[in-house]
Amino acid sequence: PSDLQVMLAARSSGADNPSNTKELVCLTAEEMSEATQRKWRACVDDRQTGAVILVLVKRGKAEGDPPMVVFSAAGRCSEDGLMLSPEVTAAEASRLLKDLSRVAGTKR
Protein backbone atom coordinates (compact mmCIF):
# COMPACT_ATOMS: atom_id res chain seq x y z
CA PRO A 1 0.00 0.00 0.00
CA SER A 2 1.00 3.59 -0.53
CA ASP A 3 2.01 5.93 2.29
CA LEU A 4 -1.34 7.71 1.99
CA GLN A 5 -3.27 4.43 2.09
CA VAL A 6 -1.52 3.38 5.29
CA MET A 7 -2.30 6.63 7.08
CA LEU A 8 -5.92 6.79 5.85
CA ALA A 9 -6.58 3.14 6.71
CA ALA A 10 -5.21 3.64 10.24
CA ARG A 11 -7.41 6.70 10.79
CA SER A 12 -10.56 5.14 9.32
CA SER A 13 -10.13 1.95 11.41
CA GLY A 14 -9.72 3.87 14.65
CA ALA A 15 -6.10 2.76 15.17
CA ASP A 16 -5.11 6.41 14.67
CA ASN A 17 -6.99 8.56 17.18
CA PRO A 18 -6.98 12.28 16.32
CA SER A 19 -8.50 13.21 19.69
CA ASN A 20 -5.43 11.84 21.48
CA THR A 21 -2.17 13.15 20.04
CA LYS A 22 -0.29 10.30 21.74
CA GLU A 23 -2.18 7.83 19.55
CA LEU A 24 -1.56 9.48 16.18
CA VAL A 25 0.04 7.27 13.55
CA CYS A 26 3.23 8.93 12.35
CA LEU A 27 4.84 7.58 9.22
CA THR A 28 8.56 7.63 10.01
CA ALA A 29 11.36 8.06 7.49
CA GLU A 30 12.12 4.32 7.59
CA GLU A 31 8.50 3.52 6.64
CA MET A 32 8.15 6.07 3.82
CA SER A 33 8.58 5.37 0.15
CA GLU A 34 11.75 6.89 -1.31
CA ALA A 35 9.84 9.68 -3.07
CA THR A 36 7.91 10.59 0.08
CA GLN A 37 11.09 10.46 2.13
CA ARG A 38 12.87 12.89 -0.23
CA LYS A 39 10.02 15.43 0.00
CA TRP A 40 9.73 15.03 3.78
CA ARG A 41 13.50 15.42 4.26
CA ALA A 42 13.49 18.60 2.14
CA CYS A 43 10.72 20.09 4.30
CA VAL A 44 12.50 19.20 7.53
CA ASP A 45 15.87 20.46 6.24
CA ASP A 46 14.24 23.77 5.19
CA ARG A 47 12.47 23.98 8.57
CA GLN A 48 9.09 23.91 6.83
CA THR A 49 7.35 21.65 9.32
CA GLY A 50 3.70 21.98 10.34
CA ALA A 51 0.64 21.82 8.13
CA VAL A 52 1.09 20.17 4.73
CA ILE A 53 -1.07 18.84 1.95
CA LEU A 54 -0.39 15.18 1.17
CA VAL A 55 -0.94 14.61 -2.55
CA LEU A 56 -0.98 11.97 -5.25
CA VAL A 57 0.38 13.31 -8.53
CA LYS A 58 -0.09 11.61 -11.89
CA ARG A 59 2.10 12.28 -14.88
CA GLY A 60 0.62 14.01 -17.91
CA LYS A 61 -0.77 11.70 -20.59
CA ALA A 62 1.46 13.06 -23.35
CA GLU A 63 5.14 13.90 -23.14
CA GLY A 64 5.52 17.49 -22.00
CA ASP A 65 2.13 17.59 -20.26
CA PRO A 66 2.49 18.84 -16.70
CA PRO A 67 1.75 16.45 -13.83
CA MET A 68 -1.65 16.78 -12.17
CA VAL A 69 -2.66 16.53 -8.52
CA VAL A 70 -5.40 13.89 -8.50
CA PHE A 71 -5.82 13.47 -4.73
CA SER A 72 -5.06 15.48 -1.61
CA ALA A 73 -5.49 15.21 2.15
CA ALA A 74 -4.60 17.49 5.04
CA GLY A 75 -1.50 16.42 6.92
CA ARG A 76 1.28 17.41 9.27
CA CYS A 77 5.04 17.30 8.80
CA SER A 78 7.35 17.05 11.80
CA GLU A 79 10.91 15.99 12.45
CA ASP A 80 9.44 12.61 13.47
CA GLY A 81 7.66 12.04 10.14
CA LEU A 82 4.32 12.59 8.41
CA MET A 83 0.80 12.14 9.72
CA LEU A 84 -2.75 13.04 8.82
CA SER A 85 -4.04 16.27 10.26
CA PRO A 86 -5.98 15.75 13.51
CA GLU A 87 -8.89 17.51 11.79
CA VAL A 88 -9.36 14.52 9.43
CA THR A 89 -12.08 12.41 11.08
CA ALA A 90 -12.38 8.64 10.82
CA ALA A 91 -15.42 9.04 8.55
CA GLU A 92 -13.57 11.50 6.30
CA ALA A 93 -10.53 9.19 6.21
CA SER A 94 -12.77 6.34 5.08
CA ARG A 95 -14.20 8.50 2.29
CA LEU A 96 -10.73 9.70 1.30
CA LEU A 97 -9.43 6.12 1.23
CA LYS A 98 -12.19 5.18 -1.24
CA ASP A 99 -11.40 8.26 -3.35
CA LEU A 100 -7.69 7.42 -3.30
CA SER A 101 -8.34 3.84 -4.40
CA ARG A 102 -10.52 5.13 -7.25
CA VAL A 103 -8.00 7.67 -8.59
CA ALA A 104 -4.99 5.42 -8.03
CA GLY A 105 -6.70 2.57 -9.85
CA THR A 106 -6.45 0.10 -6.97
CA LYS A 107 -9.13 -2.18 -5.59
CA ARG A 108 -7.69 -2.52 -2.06
PDB file of N, CA and C in Angstrom:
ATOM      1  N   PRO A   1       0.834  -1.216   0.000  1.00  0.00           N
ATOM      2  CA  PRO A   1       0.000   0.000   0.000  1.00  0.00           C
ATOM      3  C   PRO A   1       0.864   1.260   0.000  1.00  0.00           C
ATOM      4  N   SER A   2       0.275   2.330  -0.495  1.00  0.00           N
ATOM      5  CA  SER A   2       1.003   3.594  -0.526  1.00  0.00           C
ATOM      6  C   SER A   2       1.038   4.225   0.863  1.00  0.00           C
ATOM      7  N   ASP A   3       1.913   5.207   1.018  1.00  0.00           N
ATOM      8  CA  ASP A   3       2.005   5.927   2.285  1.00  0.00           C
ATOM      9  C   ASP A   3       0.659   6.525   2.676  1.00  0.00           C
ATOM     10  N   LEU A   4      -0.035   7.120   1.713  1.00  0.00           N
ATOM     11  CA  LEU A   4      -1.343   7.707   1.990  1.00  0.00           C
ATOM     12  C   LEU A   4      -2.352   6.644   2.407  1.00  0.00           C
ATOM     13  N   GLN A   5      -2.337   5.499   1.742  1.00  0.00           N
ATOM     14  CA  GLN A   5      -3.270   4.425   2.093  1.00  0.00           C
ATOM     15  C   GLN A   5      -3.057   3.962   3.528  1.00  0.00           C
ATOM     16  N   VAL A   6      -1.822   3.826   3.929  1.00  0.00           N
ATOM     17  CA  VAL A   6      -1.516   3.375   5.285  1.00  0.00           C
ATOM     18  C   VAL A   6      -2.081   4.356   6.310  1.00  0.00           C
ATOM     19  N   MET A   7      -1.831   5.636   6.115  1.00  0.00           N
ATOM     20  CA  MET A   7      -2.303   6.635   7.080  1.00  0.00           C
ATOM     21  C   MET A   7      -3.823   6.727   7.101  1.00  0.00           C
ATOM     22  N   LEU A   8      -4.451   6.705   5.923  1.00  0.00           N
ATOM     23  CA  LEU A   8      -5.915   6.792   5.853  1.00  0.00           C
ATOM     24  C   LEU A   8      -6.574   5.548   6.443  1.00  0.00           C
ATOM     25  N   ALA A   9      -6.015   4.376   6.165  1.00  0.00           N
ATOM     26  CA  ALA A   9      -6.576   3.139   6.712  1.00  0.00           C
ATOM     27  C   ALA A   9      -6.480   3.127   8.239  1.00  0.00           C
ATOM     28  N   ALA A  10      -5.365   3.579   8.781  1.00  0.00           N
ATOM     29  CA  ALA A  10      -5.207   3.635  10.236  1.00  0.00           C
ATOM     30  C   ALA A  10      -6.236   4.572  10.861  1.00  0.00           C
ATOM     31  N   ARG A  11      -6.447   5.735  10.242  1.00  0.00           N
ATOM     32  CA  ARG A  11      -7.409   6.697  10.785  1.00  0.00           C
ATOM     33  C   ARG A  11      -8.841   6.160  10.662  1.00  0.00           C
ATOM     34  N   SER A  12      -9.185   5.602   9.514  1.00  0.00           N
ATOM     35  CA  SER A  12     -10.563   5.143   9.318  1.00  0.00           C
ATOM     36  C   SER A  12     -10.892   3.938  10.200  1.00  0.00           C
ATOM     37  N   SER A  13      -9.890   3.129  10.561  1.00  0.00           N
ATOM     38  CA  SER A  13     -10.131   1.952  11.406  1.00  0.00           C
ATOM     39  C   SER A  13     -10.185   2.294  12.892  1.00  0.00           C
ATOM     40  N   GLY A  14      -9.751   3.487  13.246  1.00  0.00           N
ATOM     41  CA  GLY A  14      -9.723   3.871  14.652  1.00  0.00           C
ATOM     42  C   GLY A  14      -8.377   3.622  15.312  1.00  0.00           C
ATOM     43  N   ALA A  15      -7.436   2.999  14.602  1.00  0.00           N
ATOM     44  CA  ALA A  15      -6.099   2.757  15.166  1.00  0.00           C
ATOM     45  C   ALA A  15      -5.347   4.066  15.365  1.00  0.00           C
ATOM     46  N   ASP A  16      -5.714   5.080  14.587  1.00  0.00           N
ATOM     47  CA  ASP A  16      -5.108   6.412  14.666  1.00  0.00           C
ATOM     48  C   ASP A  16      -6.166   7.333  15.248  1.00  0.00           C
ATOM     49  N   ASN A  17      -5.963   7.790  16.469  1.00  0.00           N
ATOM     50  CA  ASN A  17      -6.987   8.558  17.185  1.00  0.00           C
ATOM     51  C   ASN A  17      -6.644  10.039  17.209  1.00  0.00           C
ATOM     52  N   PRO A  18      -7.327  10.856  16.374  1.00  0.00           N
ATOM     53  CA  PRO A  18      -6.980  12.279  16.320  1.00  0.00           C
ATOM     54  C   PRO A  18      -7.328  13.062  17.591  1.00  0.00           C
ATOM     55  N   SER A  19      -8.161  12.503  18.452  1.00  0.00           N
ATOM     56  CA  SER A  19      -8.501  13.214  19.690  1.00  0.00           C
ATOM     57  C   SER A  19      -7.445  13.010  20.767  1.00  0.00           C
ATOM     58  N   ASN A  20      -6.503  12.095  20.525  1.00  0.00           N
ATOM     59  CA  ASN A  20      -5.430  11.837  21.476  1.00  0.00           C
ATOM     60  C   ASN A  20      -4.106  11.882  20.713  1.00  0.00           C
ATOM     61  N   THR A  21      -3.390  12.977  20.831  1.00  0.00           N
ATOM     62  CA  THR A  21      -2.168  13.150  20.043  1.00  0.00           C
ATOM     63  C   THR A  21      -1.118  12.086  20.334  1.00  0.00           C
ATOM     64  N   LYS A  22      -1.233  11.376  21.445  1.00  0.00           N
ATOM     65  CA  LYS A  22      -0.290  10.305  21.743  1.00  0.00           C
ATOM     66  C   LYS A  22      -0.606   9.043  20.956  1.00  0.00           C
ATOM     67  N   GLU A  23      -1.781   9.005  20.323  1.00  0.00           N
ATOM     68  CA  GLU A  23      -2.181   7.833  19.554  1.00  0.00           C
ATOM     69  C   GLU A  23      -2.222   8.111  18.053  1.00  0.00           C
ATOM     70  N   LEU A  24      -1.594   9.183  17.613  1.00  0.00           N
ATOM     71  CA  LEU A  24      -1.563   9.477  16.181  1.00  0.00           C
ATOM     72  C   LEU A  24      -0.523   8.602  15.490  1.00  0.00           C
ATOM     73  N   VAL A  25      -0.899   8.061  14.338  1.00  0.00           N
ATOM     74  CA  VAL A  25       0.039   7.272  13.546  1.00  0.00           C
ATOM     75  C   VAL A  25       0.951   8.233  12.799  1.00  0.00           C
ATOM     76  N   CYS A  26       2.232   8.090  13.016  1.00  0.00           N
ATOM     77  CA  CYS A  26       3.226   8.930  12.353  1.00  0.00           C
ATOM     78  C   CYS A  26       4.064   8.034  11.462  1.00  0.00           C
ATOM     79  N   LEU A  27       4.049   8.331  10.188  1.00  0.00           N
ATOM     80  CA  LEU A  27       4.845   7.577   9.223  1.00  0.00           C
ATOM     81  C   LEU A  27       6.283   8.072   9.330  1.00  0.00           C
ATOM     82  N   THR A  28       7.173   7.224   9.812  1.00  0.00           N
ATOM     83  CA  THR A  28       8.564   7.625  10.012  1.00  0.00           C
ATOM     84  C   THR A  28       9.347   7.493   8.714  1.00  0.00           C
ATOM     85  N   ALA A  29      10.521   8.079   8.692  1.00  0.00           N
ATOM     86  CA  ALA A  29      11.359   8.056   7.492  1.00  0.00           C
ATOM     87  C   ALA A  29      11.625   6.629   7.017  1.00  0.00           C
ATOM     88  N   GLU A  30      11.835   5.716   7.944  1.00  0.00           N
ATOM     89  CA  GLU A  30      12.118   4.325   7.586  1.00  0.00           C
ATOM     90  C   GLU A  30      10.921   3.652   6.908  1.00  0.00           C
ATOM     91  N   GLU A  31       9.720   4.132   7.187  1.00  0.00           N
ATOM     92  CA  GLU A  31       8.503   3.525   6.645  1.00  0.00           C
ATOM     93  C   GLU A  31       8.038   4.166   5.337  1.00  0.00           C
ATOM     94  N   MET A  32       8.579   5.326   5.007  1.00  0.00           N
ATOM     95  CA  MET A  32       8.148   6.070   3.820  1.00  0.00           C
ATOM     96  C   MET A  32       8.738   5.486   2.546  1.00  0.00           C
ATOM     97  N   SER A  33       8.004   5.694   1.451  1.00  0.00           N
ATOM     98  CA  SER A  33       8.584   5.374   0.151  1.00  0.00           C
ATOM     99  C   SER A  33       9.736   6.348  -0.095  1.00  0.00           C
ATOM    100  N   GLU A  34      10.605   6.010  -1.030  1.00  0.00           N
ATOM    101  CA  GLU A  34      11.754   6.887  -1.308  1.00  0.00           C
ATOM    102  C   GLU A  34      11.318   8.276  -1.745  1.00  0.00           C
ATOM    103  N   ALA A  35      10.300   8.366  -2.594  1.00  0.00           N
ATOM    104  CA  ALA A  35       9.836   9.676  -3.074  1.00  0.00           C
ATOM    105  C   ALA A  35       9.272  10.508  -1.927  1.00  0.00           C
ATOM    106  N   THR A  36       8.472   9.875  -1.072  1.00  0.00           N
ATOM    107  CA  THR A  36       7.909  10.591   0.079  1.00  0.00           C
ATOM    108  C   THR A  36       9.025  11.018   1.015  1.00  0.00           C
ATOM    109  N   GLN A  37       9.983  10.151   1.229  1.00  0.00           N
ATOM    110  CA  GLN A  37      11.089  10.462   2.131  1.00  0.00           C
ATOM    111  C   GLN A  37      11.894  11.663   1.632  1.00  0.00           C
ATOM    112  N   ARG A  38      12.119  11.742   0.318  1.00  0.00           N
ATOM    113  CA  ARG A  38      12.866  12.891  -0.232  1.00  0.00           C
ATOM    114  C   ARG A  38      12.123  14.194   0.028  1.00  0.00           C
ATOM    115  N   LYS A  39      10.819  14.208  -0.216  1.00  0.00           N
ATOM    116  CA  LYS A  39      10.020  15.425  -0.002  1.00  0.00           C
ATOM    117  C   LYS A  39       9.976  15.787   1.490  1.00  0.00           C
ATOM    118  N   TRP A  40       9.778  14.784   2.336  1.00  0.00           N
ATOM    119  CA  TRP A  40       9.734  15.028   3.781  1.00  0.00           C
ATOM    120  C   TRP A  40      11.066  15.584   4.267  1.00  0.00           C
ATOM    121  N   ARG A  41      12.166  14.965   3.833  1.00  0.00           N
ATOM    122  CA  ARG A  41      13.495  15.416   4.257  1.00  0.00           C
ATOM    123  C   ARG A  41      13.740  16.855   3.837  1.00  0.00           C
ATOM    124  N   ALA A  42      13.315  17.226   2.618  1.00  0.00           N
ATOM    125  CA  ALA A  42      13.494  18.597   2.136  1.00  0.00           C
ATOM    126  C   ALA A  42      12.725  19.577   3.022  1.00  0.00           C
ATOM    127  N   CYS A  43      11.514  19.214   3.419  1.00  0.00           N
ATOM    128  CA  CYS A  43      10.725  20.085   4.295  1.00  0.00           C
ATOM    129  C   CYS A  43      11.395  20.253   5.655  1.00  0.00           C
ATOM    130  N   VAL A  44      11.852  19.150   6.220  1.00  0.00           N
ATOM    131  CA  VAL A  44      12.503  19.204   7.528  1.00  0.00           C
ATOM    132  C   VAL A  44      13.803  20.001   7.441  1.00  0.00           C
ATOM    133  N   ASP A  45      14.600  19.754   6.405  1.00  0.00           N
ATOM    134  CA  ASP A  45      15.866  20.463   6.244  1.00  0.00           C
ATOM    135  C   ASP A  45      15.655  21.967   6.068  1.00  0.00           C
ATOM    136  N   ASP A  46      14.557  22.347   5.400  1.00  0.00           N
ATOM    137  CA  ASP A  46      14.242  23.766   5.190  1.00  0.00           C
ATOM    138  C   ASP A  46      13.434  24.362   6.338  1.00  0.00           C
ATOM    139  N   ARG A  47      13.252  23.564   7.387  1.00  0.00           N
ATOM    140  CA  ARG A  47      12.473  23.984   8.568  1.00  0.00           C
ATOM    141  C   ARG A  47      11.050  24.403   8.197  1.00  0.00           C
ATOM    142  N   GLN A  48      10.454  23.654   7.272  1.00  0.00           N
ATOM    143  CA  GLN A  48       9.087  23.914   6.833  1.00  0.00           C
ATOM    144  C   GLN A  48       8.154  22.840   7.381  1.00  0.00           C
ATOM    145  N   THR A  49       8.214  22.639   8.691  1.00  0.00           N
ATOM    146  CA  THR A  49       7.350  21.648   9.316  1.00  0.00           C
ATOM    147  C   THR A  49       6.025  22.310   9.689  1.00  0.00           C
ATOM    148  N   GLY A  50       5.042  21.497   9.996  1.00  0.00           N
ATOM    149  CA  GLY A  50       3.703  21.985  10.335  1.00  0.00           C
ATOM    150  C   GLY A  50       2.695  21.444   9.346  1.00  0.00           C
ATOM    151  N   ALA A  51       1.706  22.251   9.030  1.00  0.00           N
ATOM    152  CA  ALA A  51       0.635  21.825   8.134  1.00  0.00           C
ATOM    153  C   ALA A  51       1.158  21.600   6.717  1.00  0.00           C
ATOM    154  N   VAL A  52       0.734  20.498   6.116  1.00  0.00           N
ATOM    155  CA  VAL A  52       1.088  20.174   4.733  1.00  0.00           C
ATOM    156  C   VAL A  52      -0.134  19.580   4.039  1.00  0.00           C
ATOM    157  N   ILE A  53      -0.076  19.544   2.742  1.00  0.00           N
ATOM    158  CA  ILE A  53      -1.073  18.841   1.951  1.00  0.00           C
ATOM    159  C   ILE A  53      -0.380  17.604   1.375  1.00  0.00           C
ATOM    160  N   LEU A  54      -0.914  16.443   1.698  1.00  0.00           N
ATOM    161  CA  LEU A  54      -0.392  15.181   1.174  1.00  0.00           C
ATOM    162  C   LEU A  54      -1.098  14.923  -0.148  1.00  0.00           C
ATOM    163  N   VAL A  55      -0.336  14.704  -1.212  1.00  0.00           N
ATOM    164  CA  VAL A  55      -0.938  14.607  -2.546  1.00  0.00           C
ATOM    165  C   VAL A  55      -0.491  13.355  -3.296  1.00  0.00           C
ATOM    166  N   LEU A  56      -1.334  12.972  -4.256  1.00  0.00           N
ATOM    167  CA  LEU A  56      -0.977  11.973  -5.253  1.00  0.00           C
ATOM    168  C   LEU A  56      -0.941  12.718  -6.571  1.00  0.00           C
ATOM    169  N   VAL A  57       0.187  12.611  -7.256  1.00  0.00           N
ATOM    170  CA  VAL A  57       0.378  13.306  -8.527  1.00  0.00           C
ATOM    171  C   VAL A  57       0.496  12.262  -9.628  1.00  0.00           C
ATOM    172  N   LYS A  58      -0.206  12.495 -10.729  1.00  0.00           N
ATOM    173  CA  LYS A  58      -0.086  11.613 -11.895  1.00  0.00           C
ATOM    174  C   LYS A  58       0.592  12.387 -13.009  1.00  0.00           C
ATOM    175  N   ARG A  59       1.420  11.674 -13.743  1.00  0.00           N
ATOM    176  CA  ARG A  59       2.102  12.282 -14.883  1.00  0.00           C
ATOM    177  C   ARG A  59       1.088  12.652 -15.950  1.00  0.00           C
ATOM    178  N   GLY A  60       1.461  13.642 -16.776  1.00  0.00           N
ATOM    179  CA  GLY A  60       0.622  14.011 -17.906  1.00  0.00           C
ATOM    180  C   GLY A  60       0.530  12.853 -18.887  1.00  0.00           C
ATOM    181  N   LYS A  61      -0.562  12.814 -19.653  1.00  0.00           N
ATOM    182  CA  LYS A  61      -0.766  11.699 -20.593  1.00  0.00           C
ATOM    183  C   LYS A  61       0.230  11.740 -21.751  1.00  0.00           C
ATOM    184  N   ALA A  62       0.520  12.928 -22.237  1.00  0.00           N
ATOM    185  CA  ALA A  62       1.461  13.065 -23.350  1.00  0.00           C
ATOM    186  C   ALA A  62       2.770  13.650 -22.829  1.00  0.00           C
ATOM    187  N   GLU A  63       3.840  13.359 -23.534  1.00  0.00           N
ATOM    188  CA  GLU A  63       5.136  13.903 -23.140  1.00  0.00           C
ATOM    189  C   GLU A  63       5.061  15.425 -23.152  1.00  0.00           C
ATOM    190  N   GLY A  64       5.555  16.036 -22.101  1.00  0.00           N
ATOM    191  CA  GLY A  64       5.525  17.488 -21.997  1.00  0.00           C
ATOM    192  C   GLY A  64       4.314  18.014 -21.240  1.00  0.00           C
ATOM    193  N   ASP A  65       3.279  17.176 -21.058  1.00  0.00           N
ATOM    194  CA  ASP A  65       2.130  17.592 -20.256  1.00  0.00           C
ATOM    195  C   ASP A  65       2.558  17.691 -18.800  1.00  0.00           C
ATOM    196  N   PRO A  66       2.106  18.711 -18.111  1.00  0.00           N
ATOM    197  CA  PRO A  66       2.493  18.838 -16.696  1.00  0.00           C
ATOM    198  C   PRO A  66       1.796  17.772 -15.844  1.00  0.00           C
ATOM    199  N   PRO A  67       2.416  17.392 -14.734  1.00  0.00           N
ATOM    200  CA  PRO A  67       1.755  16.447 -13.827  1.00  0.00           C
ATOM    201  C   PRO A  67       0.531  17.106 -13.198  1.00  0.00           C
ATOM    202  N   MET A  68      -0.424  16.277 -12.783  1.00  0.00           N
ATOM    203  CA  MET A  68      -1.651  16.785 -12.175  1.00  0.00           C
ATOM    204  C   MET A  68      -1.833  16.191 -10.786  1.00  0.00           C
ATOM    205  N   VAL A  69      -2.280  17.027  -9.845  1.00  0.00           N
ATOM    206  CA  VAL A  69      -2.657  16.530  -8.521  1.00  0.00           C
ATOM    207  C   VAL A  69      -4.036  15.894  -8.676  1.00  0.00           C
ATOM    208  N   VAL A  70      -4.134  14.601  -8.355  1.00  0.00           N
ATOM    209  CA  VAL A  70      -5.403  13.893  -8.500  1.00  0.00           C
ATOM    210  C   VAL A  70      -6.030  13.528  -7.161  1.00  0.00           C
ATOM    211  N   PHE A  71      -5.297  13.787  -6.065  1.00  0.00           N
ATOM    212  CA  PHE A  71      -5.815  13.474  -4.734  1.00  0.00           C
ATOM    213  C   PHE A  71      -5.046  14.310  -3.723  1.00  0.00           C
ATOM    214  N   SER A  72      -5.748  14.760  -2.683  1.00  0.00           N
ATOM    215  CA  SER A  72      -5.061  15.484  -1.613  1.00  0.00           C
ATOM    216  C   SER A  72      -5.756  15.240  -0.279  1.00  0.00           C
ATOM    217  N   ALA A  73      -4.979  15.342   0.785  1.00  0.00           N
ATOM    218  CA  ALA A  73      -5.493  15.209   2.151  1.00  0.00           C
ATOM    219  C   ALA A  73      -4.653  16.101   3.056  1.00  0.00           C
ATOM    220  N   ALA A  74      -5.293  16.629   4.083  1.00  0.00           N
ATOM    221  CA  ALA A  74      -4.596  17.490   5.041  1.00  0.00           C
ATOM    222  C   ALA A  74      -3.670  16.649   5.914  1.00  0.00           C
ATOM    223  N   GLY A  75      -2.460  17.157   6.112  1.00  0.00           N
ATOM    224  CA  GLY A  75      -1.495  16.423   6.917  1.00  0.00           C
ATOM    225  C   GLY A  75      -0.632  17.325   7.765  1.00  0.00           C
ATOM    226  N   ARG A  76       0.307  16.707   8.439  1.00  0.00           N
ATOM    227  CA  ARG A  76       1.282  17.409   9.270  1.00  0.00           C
ATOM    228  C   ARG A  76       2.656  16.817   8.988  1.00  0.00           C
ATOM    229  N   CYS A  77       3.640  17.697   8.976  1.00  0.00           N
ATOM    230  CA  CYS A  77       5.038  17.295   8.804  1.00  0.00           C
ATOM    231  C   CYS A  77       5.792  17.696  10.064  1.00  0.00           C
ATOM    232  N   SER A  78       6.523  16.750  10.626  1.00  0.00           N
ATOM    233  CA  SER A  78       7.349  17.054  11.795  1.00  0.00           C
ATOM    234  C   SER A  78       8.699  16.379  11.611  1.00  0.00           C
ATOM    235  N   GLU A  79       9.602  16.637  12.518  1.00  0.00           N
ATOM    236  CA  GLU A  79      10.906  15.988  12.447  1.00  0.00           C
ATOM    237  C   GLU A  79      10.782  14.483  12.653  1.00  0.00           C
ATOM    238  N   ASP A  80       9.661  14.040  13.247  1.00  0.00           N
ATOM    239  CA  ASP A  80       9.436  12.610  13.467  1.00  0.00           C
ATOM    240  C   ASP A  80       8.918  11.904  12.223  1.00  0.00           C
ATOM    241  N   GLY A  81       8.216  12.654  11.338  1.00  0.00           N
ATOM    242  CA  GLY A  81       7.658  12.044  10.140  1.00  0.00           C
ATOM    243  C   GLY A  81       6.420  12.779   9.657  1.00  0.00           C
ATOM    244  N   LEU A  82       5.558  12.043   8.965  1.00  0.00           N
ATOM    245  CA  LEU A  82       4.318  12.594   8.413  1.00  0.00           C
ATOM    246  C   LEU A  82       3.114  11.936   9.059  1.00  0.00           C
ATOM    247  N   MET A  83       2.039  12.687   9.184  1.00  0.00           N
ATOM    248  CA  MET A  83       0.797  12.141   9.719  1.00  0.00           C
ATOM    249  C   MET A  83      -0.374  12.890   9.110  1.00  0.00           C
ATOM    250  N   LEU A  84      -1.554  12.317   9.224  1.00  0.00           N
ATOM    251  CA  LEU A  84      -2.752  13.037   8.819  1.00  0.00           C
ATOM    252  C   LEU A  84      -3.016  14.139   9.822  1.00  0.00           C
ATOM    253  N   SER A  85      -3.644  15.182   9.366  1.00  0.00           N
ATOM    254  CA  SER A  85      -4.039  16.266  10.260  1.00  0.00           C
ATOM    255  C   SER A  85      -5.052  15.732  11.272  1.00  0.00           C
ATOM    256  N   PRO A  86      -4.986  16.177  12.519  1.00  0.00           N
ATOM    257  CA  PRO A  86      -5.981  15.748  13.511  1.00  0.00           C
ATOM    258  C   PRO A  86      -7.415  16.126  13.110  1.00  0.00           C
ATOM    259  N   GLU A  87      -7.560  17.090  12.221  1.00  0.00           N
ATOM    260  CA  GLU A  87      -8.892  17.511  11.786  1.00  0.00           C
ATOM    261  C   GLU A  87      -9.557  16.498  10.858  1.00  0.00           C
ATOM    262  N   VAL A  88      -8.794  15.554  10.300  1.00  0.00           N
ATOM    263  CA  VAL A  88      -9.363  14.517   9.426  1.00  0.00           C
ATOM    264  C   VAL A  88     -10.014  13.459  10.316  1.00  0.00           C
ATOM    265  N   THR A  89     -11.342  13.371  10.255  1.00  0.00           N
ATOM    266  CA  THR A  89     -12.078  12.413  11.076  1.00  0.00           C
ATOM    267  C   THR A  89     -11.969  11.008  10.500  1.00  0.00           C
ATOM    268  N   ALA A  90     -12.381  10.027  11.288  1.00  0.00           N
ATOM    269  CA  ALA A  90     -12.378   8.639  10.818  1.00  0.00           C
ATOM    270  C   ALA A  90     -13.307   8.481   9.614  1.00  0.00           C
ATOM    271  N   ALA A  91     -14.472   9.122   9.672  1.00  0.00           N
ATOM    272  CA  ALA A  91     -15.425   9.045   8.549  1.00  0.00           C
ATOM    273  C   ALA A  91     -14.834   9.683   7.293  1.00  0.00           C
ATOM    274  N   GLU A  92     -14.186  10.840   7.455  1.00  0.00           N
ATOM    275  CA  GLU A  92     -13.568  11.502   6.303  1.00  0.00           C
ATOM    276  C   GLU A  92     -12.416  10.664   5.759  1.00  0.00           C
ATOM    277  N   ALA A  93     -11.638  10.051   6.644  1.00  0.00           N
ATOM    278  CA  ALA A  93     -10.531   9.193   6.205  1.00  0.00           C
ATOM    279  C   ALA A  93     -11.056   8.008   5.402  1.00  0.00           C
ATOM    280  N   SER A  94     -12.174   7.451   5.812  1.00  0.00           N
ATOM    281  CA  SER A  94     -12.774   6.340   5.076  1.00  0.00           C
ATOM    282  C   SER A  94     -13.187   6.779   3.678  1.00  0.00           C
ATOM    283  N   ARG A  95     -13.800   7.953   3.593  1.00  0.00           N
ATOM    284  CA  ARG A  95     -14.200   8.498   2.294  1.00  0.00           C
ATOM    285  C   ARG A  95     -12.971   8.785   1.431  1.00  0.00           C
ATOM    286  N   LEU A  96     -11.959   9.398   2.029  1.00  0.00           N
ATOM    287  CA  LEU A  96     -10.726   9.704   1.297  1.00  0.00           C
ATOM    288  C   LEU A  96     -10.027   8.436   0.812  1.00  0.00           C
ATOM    289  N   LEU A  97     -10.053   7.389   1.620  1.00  0.00           N
ATOM    290  CA  LEU A  97      -9.434   6.122   1.231  1.00  0.00           C
ATOM    291  C   LEU A  97     -10.122   5.547  -0.008  1.00  0.00           C
ATOM    292  N   LYS A  98     -11.444   5.634  -0.053  1.00  0.00           N
ATOM    293  CA  LYS A  98     -12.189   5.178  -1.235  1.00  0.00           C
ATOM    294  C   LYS A  98     -11.837   6.031  -2.447  1.00  0.00           C
ATOM    295  N   ASP A  99     -11.770   7.353  -2.249  1.00  0.00           N
ATOM    296  CA  ASP A  99     -11.397   8.256  -3.345  1.00  0.00           C
ATOM    297  C   ASP A  99      -9.988   7.945  -3.854  1.00  0.00           C
ATOM    298  N   LEU A 100      -9.069   7.728  -2.927  1.00  0.00           N
ATOM    299  CA  LEU A 100      -7.691   7.423  -3.302  1.00  0.00           C
ATOM    300  C   LEU A 100      -7.625   6.128  -4.109  1.00  0.00           C
ATOM    301  N   SER A 101      -8.332   5.119  -3.673  1.00  0.00           N
ATOM    302  CA  SER A 101      -8.340   3.837  -4.405  1.00  0.00           C
ATOM    303  C   SER A 101      -8.892   4.039  -5.809  1.00  0.00           C
ATOM    304  N   ARG A 102      -9.921   4.878  -5.942  1.00  0.00           N
ATOM    305  CA  ARG A 102     -10.515   5.133  -7.247  1.00  0.00           C
ATOM    306  C   ARG A 102      -9.533   5.836  -8.178  1.00  0.00           C
ATOM    307  N   VAL A 103      -8.897   6.910  -7.719  1.00  0.00           N
ATOM    308  CA  VAL A 103      -8.004   7.674  -8.592  1.00  0.00           C
ATOM    309  C   VAL A 103      -6.676   6.967  -8.838  1.00  0.00           C
ATOM    310  N   ALA A 104      -6.257   6.136  -7.870  1.00  0.00           N
ATOM    311  CA  ALA A 104      -4.991   5.416  -8.032  1.00  0.00           C
ATOM    312  C   ALA A 104      -5.178   4.137  -8.848  1.00  0.00           C
ATOM    313  N   GLY A 105      -6.433   3.757  -9.049  1.00  0.00           N
ATOM    314  CA  GLY A 105      -6.701   2.571  -9.848  1.00  0.00           C
ATOM    315  C   GLY A 105      -6.485   1.277  -9.098  1.00  0.00           C
ATOM    316  N   THR A 106      -6.608   1.320  -7.765  1.00  0.00           N
ATOM    317  CA  THR A 106      -6.452   0.105  -6.965  1.00  0.00           C
ATOM    318  C   THR A 106      -7.794  -0.346  -6.449  1.00  0.00           C
ATOM    319  N   LYS A 107      -7.880  -1.613  -6.107  1.00  0.00           N
ATOM    320  CA  LYS A 107      -9.130  -2.176  -5.595  1.00  0.00           C
ATOM    321  C   LYS A 107      -8.952  -2.634  -4.154  1.00  0.00           C
ATOM    322  N   ARG A 108      -7.981  -2.088  -3.431  1.00  0.00           N
ATOM    323  CA  ARG A 108      -7.690  -2.519  -2.057  1.00  0.00           C
ATOM    324  C   ARG A 108      -8.662  -1.922  -1.093  1.00  0.00           C
TER     325      ARG A 108
END
